[in-house]
Amino acid sequence: MLEFNLFLIDYWFFSVPLFLSILLWFRAESGRGGNRVDCTQLTILANKKSACLVDVRPKSEFEIGAIAGSTNIPFDELDARHDELLKFKDKPIILICGMGRNAGLSGEKLQKHGYEETHILKGGIATWQQEGLPLVKI
């Protein structure tokens, strides 16, 4: 570990741009597709603002267990089926996937179609389960 630290110090002109690039990449990825919300914020948005919950996992995963009230539009079908969400265009849309990655990409797709208020569940359905919150079988 000491050698690695010495390398970083000796070659600071390589280290600084590398760390800045990683930091900027992480920041860009974390904001992709909409605001990140935790399970509590998801519940508040769903109850107080009538947010639409869209689960972008494959149908087979959705049927095993999903958040109550969520609609399944798999990531691969989102471009073709985004018009199903037109009635929610003025409301928050919360995107849910397995671990958070596809939800961010789905948020970008929806934003291109004019949906302005998109949110992503941090950590996806895995976080929901870790917090001991209920899933319903479809």
C-alpha atoms as a PDB file:
ATOM      1  CA  MET A   1       0.000   0.000   0.000  1.00  0.00           C
ATOM      2  CA  LEU A   2       2.892   2.311   0.784  1.00  0.00           C
ATOM      3  CA  GLU A   3       4.278   1.844  -2.733  1.00  0.00           C
ATOM      4  CA  PHE A   4       0.922   2.763  -4.232  1.00  0.00           C
ATOM      5  CA  ASN A   5       0.768   5.942  -2.147  1.00  0.00           C
ATOM      6  CA  LEU A   6       4.303   6.869  -3.152  1.00  0.00           C
ATOM      7  CA  PHE A   7       3.421   6.262  -6.798  1.00  0.00           C
ATOM      8  CA  LEU A   8       0.411   8.599  -6.506  1.00  0.00           C
ATOM      9  CA  ILE A   9       2.555  11.300  -4.935  1.00  0.00           C
ATOM     10  CA  ASP A  10       5.485  10.922  -7.342  1.00  0.00           C
ATOM     11  CA  TYR A  11       3.232  10.898 -10.398  1.00  0.00           C
ATOM     12  CA  TRP A  12       0.660  13.434  -9.228  1.00  0.00           C
ATOM     13  CA  PHE A  13       0.261  14.759 -12.781  1.00  0.00           C
ATOM     14  CA  PHE A  14      -1.298  11.374 -13.684  1.00  0.00           C
ATOM     15  CA  SER A  15      -3.121  10.831 -10.401  1.00  0.00           C
ATOM     16  CA  VAL A  16      -5.023  14.128 -10.229  1.00  0.00           C
ATOM     17  CA  PRO A  17      -6.627  13.856 -13.694  1.00  0.00           C
ATOM     18  CA  LEU A  18      -7.470  10.210 -13.020  1.00  0.00           C
ATOM     19  CA  PHE A  19      -9.263  11.018  -9.751  1.00  0.00           C
ATOM     20  CA  LEU A  20     -11.028  14.014 -11.311  1.00  0.00           C
ATOM     21  CA  SER A  21     -12.192  11.852 -14.203  1.00  0.00           C
ATOM     22  CA  ILE A  22     -13.534   9.215 -11.827  1.00  0.00           C
ATOM     23  CA  LEU A  23     -15.275  11.867  -9.740  1.00  0.00           C
ATOM     24  CA  LEU A  24     -16.887  13.525 -12.773  1.00  0.00           C
ATOM     25  CA  TRP A  25     -17.953  10.160 -14.202  1.00  0.00           C
ATOM     26  CA  PHE A  26     -19.526   9.156 -10.880  1.00  0.00           C
ATOM     27  CA  ARG A  27     -21.371  12.459 -10.628  1.00  0.00           C
ATOM     28  CA  ALA A  28     -22.715  12.155 -14.175  1.00  0.00           C
ATOM     29  CA  GLU A  29     -23.867   8.573 -13.589  1.00  0.00           C
ATOM     30  CA  SER A  30     -25.563   9.355 -10.295  1.00  0.00           C
ATOM     31  CA  GLY A  31     -27.759  12.028 -11.890  1.00  0.00           C
ATOM     32  CA  ARG A  32     -28.684  10.017 -14.957  1.00  0.00           C
ATOM     33  CA  GLY A  33     -32.396   9.642 -15.609  1.00  0.00           C
ATOM     34  CA  GLY A  34     -33.755  11.660 -12.714  1.00  0.00           C
ATOM     35  CA  ASN A  35     -33.499  12.317  -9.000  1.00  0.00           C
ATOM     36  CA  ARG A  36     -32.619   9.442  -6.728  1.00  0.00           C
ATOM     37  CA  VAL A  37     -35.179   8.710  -4.012  1.00  0.00           C
ATOM     38  CA  ASP A  38     -35.053   6.308  -1.099  1.00  0.00           C
ATOM     39  CA  CYS A  39     -37.885   4.048   0.025  1.00  0.00           C
ATOM     40  CA  THR A  40     -39.363   6.651   2.376  1.00  0.00           C
ATOM     41  CA  GLN A  41     -39.389   9.327  -0.317  1.00  0.00           C
ATOM     42  CA  LEU A  42     -40.966   6.861  -2.761  1.00  0.00           C
ATOM     43  CA  THR A  43     -43.790   6.215  -0.301  1.00  0.00           C
ATOM     44  CA  ILE A  44     -44.342   9.943   0.271  1.00  0.00           C
ATOM     45  CA  LEU A  45     -44.390  10.684  -3.472  1.00  0.00           C
ATOM     46  CA  ALA A  46     -46.788   7.812  -4.120  1.00  0.00           C
ATOM     47  CA  ASN A  47     -49.173   8.795  -1.322  1.00  0.00           C
ATOM     48  CA  LYS A  48     -49.110  12.596  -1.441  1.00  0.00           C
ATOM     49  CA  LYS A  49     -48.424  13.340  -5.110  1.00  0.00           C
ATOM     50  CA  SER A  50     -50.015  10.246  -6.686  1.00  0.00           C
ATOM     51  CA  ALA A  51     -46.741   9.271  -8.298  1.00  0.00           C
ATOM     52  CA  CYS A  52     -46.778   6.548 -10.933  1.00  0.00           C
ATOM     53  CA  LEU A  53     -44.553   3.573 -10.074  1.00  0.00           C
ATOM     54  CA  VAL A  54     -43.028   1.932 -13.141  1.00  0.00           C
ATOM     55  CA  ASP A  55     -41.127  -1.306 -12.700  1.00  0.00           C
ATOM     56  CA  VAL A  56     -38.754  -1.814 -15.642  1.00  0.00           C
ATOM     57  CA  ARG A  57     -37.644  -5.336 -14.713  1.00  0.00           C
ATOM     58  CA  PRO A  58     -38.508  -8.242 -17.022  1.00  0.00           C
ATOM     59  CA  LYS A  59     -42.028  -9.614 -16.605  1.00  0.00           C
ATOM     60  CA  SER A  60     -40.736 -12.854 -15.050  1.00  0.00           C
ATOM     61  CA  GLU A  61     -39.004 -10.918 -12.234  1.00  0.00           C
ATOM     62  CA  PHE A  62     -41.987  -8.584 -11.803  1.00  0.00           C
ATOM     63  CA  GLU A  63     -44.341 -11.524 -11.283  1.00  0.00           C
ATOM     64  CA  ILE A  64     -42.190 -12.921  -8.469  1.00  0.00           C
ATOM     65  CA  GLY A  65     -42.663  -9.763  -6.414  1.00  0.00           C
ATOM     66  CA  ALA A  66     -43.283  -6.073  -6.994  1.00  0.00           C
ATOM     67  CA  ILE A  67     -44.121  -2.926  -5.062  1.00  0.00           C
ATOM     68  CA  ALA A  68     -47.885  -2.594  -4.652  1.00  0.00           C
ATOM     69  CA  GLY A  69     -49.419  -0.327  -7.272  1.00  0.00           C
ATOM     70  CA  SER A  70     -46.513  -0.518  -9.698  1.00  0.00           C
ATOM     71  CA  THR A  71     -46.924  -1.051 -13.420  1.00  0.00           C
ATOM     72  CA  ASN A  72     -44.586  -3.329 -15.348  1.00  0.00           C
ATOM     73  CA  ILE A  73     -43.100  -1.921 -18.529  1.00  0.00           C
ATOM     74  CA  PRO A  74     -39.865  -3.853 -19.181  1.00  0.00           C
ATOM     75  CA  PHE A  75     -36.833  -1.776 -20.107  1.00  0.00           C
ATOM     76  CA  ASP A  76     -36.657  -3.318 -23.582  1.00  0.00           C
ATOM     77  CA  GLU A  77     -40.268  -2.314 -24.305  1.00  0.00           C
ATOM     78  CA  LEU A  78     -40.183   1.187 -22.838  1.00  0.00           C
ATOM     79  CA  ASP A  79     -39.734   3.058 -26.121  1.00  0.00           C
ATOM     80  CA  ALA A  80     -42.709   1.266 -27.679  1.00  0.00           C
ATOM     81  CA  ARG A  81     -44.957   1.475 -24.609  1.00  0.00           C
ATOM     82  CA  HIS A  82     -44.148   4.910 -23.130  1.00  0.00           C
ATOM     83  CA  ASP A  83     -47.517   6.203 -24.371  1.00  0.00           C
ATOM     84  CA  GLU A  84     -49.170   4.107 -21.618  1.00  0.00           C
ATOM     85  CA  LEU A  85     -47.796   6.710 -19.208  1.00  0.00           C
ATOM     86  CA  LEU A  86     -49.233   9.778 -20.957  1.00  0.00           C
ATOM     87  CA  LYS A  87     -51.919  10.227 -18.304  1.00  0.00           C
ATOM     88  CA  PHE A  88     -49.102  10.563 -15.728  1.00  0.00           C
ATOM     89  CA  LYS A  89     -47.086  13.153 -17.677  1.00  0.00           C
ATOM     90  CA  ASP A  90     -47.877  15.875 -15.117  1.00  0.00           C
ATOM     91  CA  LYS A  91     -47.192  13.637 -12.114  1.00  0.00           C
ATOM     92  CA  PRO A  92     -43.963  12.210 -10.731  1.00  0.00           C
ATOM     93  CA  ILE A  93     -42.874   8.931 -12.294  1.00  0.00           C
ATOM     94  CA  ILE A  94     -40.748   6.673 -10.119  1.00  0.00           C
ATOM     95  CA  LEU A  95     -38.725   4.068 -11.983  1.00  0.00           C
ATOM     96  CA  ILE A  96     -37.822   0.809 -10.279  1.00  0.00           C
ATOM     97  CA  CYS A  97     -35.454  -1.922 -11.427  1.00  0.00           C
ATOM     98  CA  GLY A  98     -33.423  -4.665  -9.812  1.00  0.00           C
ATOM     99  CA  MET A  99     -30.491  -2.600  -8.557  1.00  0.00           C
ATOM    100  CA  GLY A 100     -30.881   0.902 -10.023  1.00  0.00           C
ATOM    101  CA  ARG A 101     -28.951   0.799 -13.315  1.00  0.00           C
ATOM    102  CA  ASN A 102     -31.747   0.175 -15.836  1.00  0.00           C
ATOM    103  CA  ALA A 103     -34.018   2.614 -14.042  1.00  0.00           C
ATOM    104  CA  GLY A 104     -31.562   5.433 -14.766  1.00  0.00           C
ATOM    105  CA  LEU A 105     -31.410   4.511 -18.441  1.00  0.00           C
ATOM    106  CA  SER A 106     -35.217   4.281 -18.492  1.00  0.00           C
ATOM    107  CA  GLY A 107     -35.430   7.753 -16.988  1.00  0.00           C
ATOM    108  CA  GLU A 108     -33.299   9.097 -19.819  1.00  0.00           C
ATOM    109  CA  LYS A 109     -35.602   7.466 -22.361  1.00  0.00           C
ATOM    110  CA  LEU A 110     -38.693   8.959 -20.733  1.00  0.00           C
ATOM    111  CA  GLN A 111     -37.096  12.390 -20.527  1.00  0.00           C
ATOM    112  CA  LYS A 112     -36.452  12.237 -24.283  1.00  0.00           C
ATOM    113  CA  HIS A 113     -40.185  11.581 -24.720  1.00  0.00           C
ATOM    114  CA  GLY A 114     -41.055  14.673 -22.662  1.00  0.00           C
ATOM    115  CA  TYR A 115     -41.600  13.264 -19.176  1.00  0.00           C
ATOM    116  CA  GLU A 116     -40.045  15.869 -16.926  1.00  0.00           C
ATOM    117  CA  GLU A 117     -40.414  14.613 -13.366  1.00  0.00           C
ATOM    118  CA  THR A 118     -38.700  11.244 -13.266  1.00  0.00           C
ATOM    119  CA  HIS A 119     -37.265   9.692 -10.120  1.00  0.00           C
ATOM    120  CA  ILE A 120     -35.180   6.566  -9.586  1.00  0.00           C
ATOM    121  CA  LEU A 121     -35.444   4.257  -6.571  1.00  0.00           C
ATOM    122  CA  LYS A 122     -31.915   4.127  -5.115  1.00  0.00           C
ATOM    123  CA  GLY A 123     -30.670   0.560  -5.162  1.00  0.00           C
ATOM    124  CA  GLY A 124     -33.829  -0.686  -6.870  1.00  0.00           C
ATOM    125  CA  ILE A 125     -36.052  -3.444  -5.584  1.00  0.00           C
ATOM    126  CA  ALA A 126     -33.069  -4.929  -3.703  1.00  0.00           C
ATOM    127  CA  THR A 127     -33.040  -1.934  -1.353  1.00  0.00           C
ATOM    128  CA  TRP A 128     -36.814  -2.168  -0.912  1.00  0.00           C
ATOM    129  CA  GLN A 129     -36.423  -5.799   0.189  1.00  0.00           C
ATOM    130  CA  GLN A 130     -33.441  -5.051   2.449  1.00  0.00           C
ATOM    131  CA  GLU A 131     -35.538  -2.521   4.334  1.00  0.00           C
ATOM    132  CA  GLY A 132     -38.121  -5.232   4.937  1.00  0.00           C
ATOM    133  CA  LEU A 133     -40.849  -3.539   2.925  1.00  0.00           C
ATOM    134  CA  PRO A 134     -43.585  -5.679   1.391  1.00  0.00           C
ATOM    135  CA  LEU A 135     -43.776  -6.985  -2.142  1.00  0.00           C
ATOM    136  CA  VAL A 136     -46.908  -8.315  -3.795  1.00  0.00           C
ATOM    137  CA  LYS A 137     -46.970 -11.292  -6.138  1.00  0.00           C
ATOM    138  CA  ILE A 138     -48.639 -10.592  -9.442  1.00  0.00           C
END
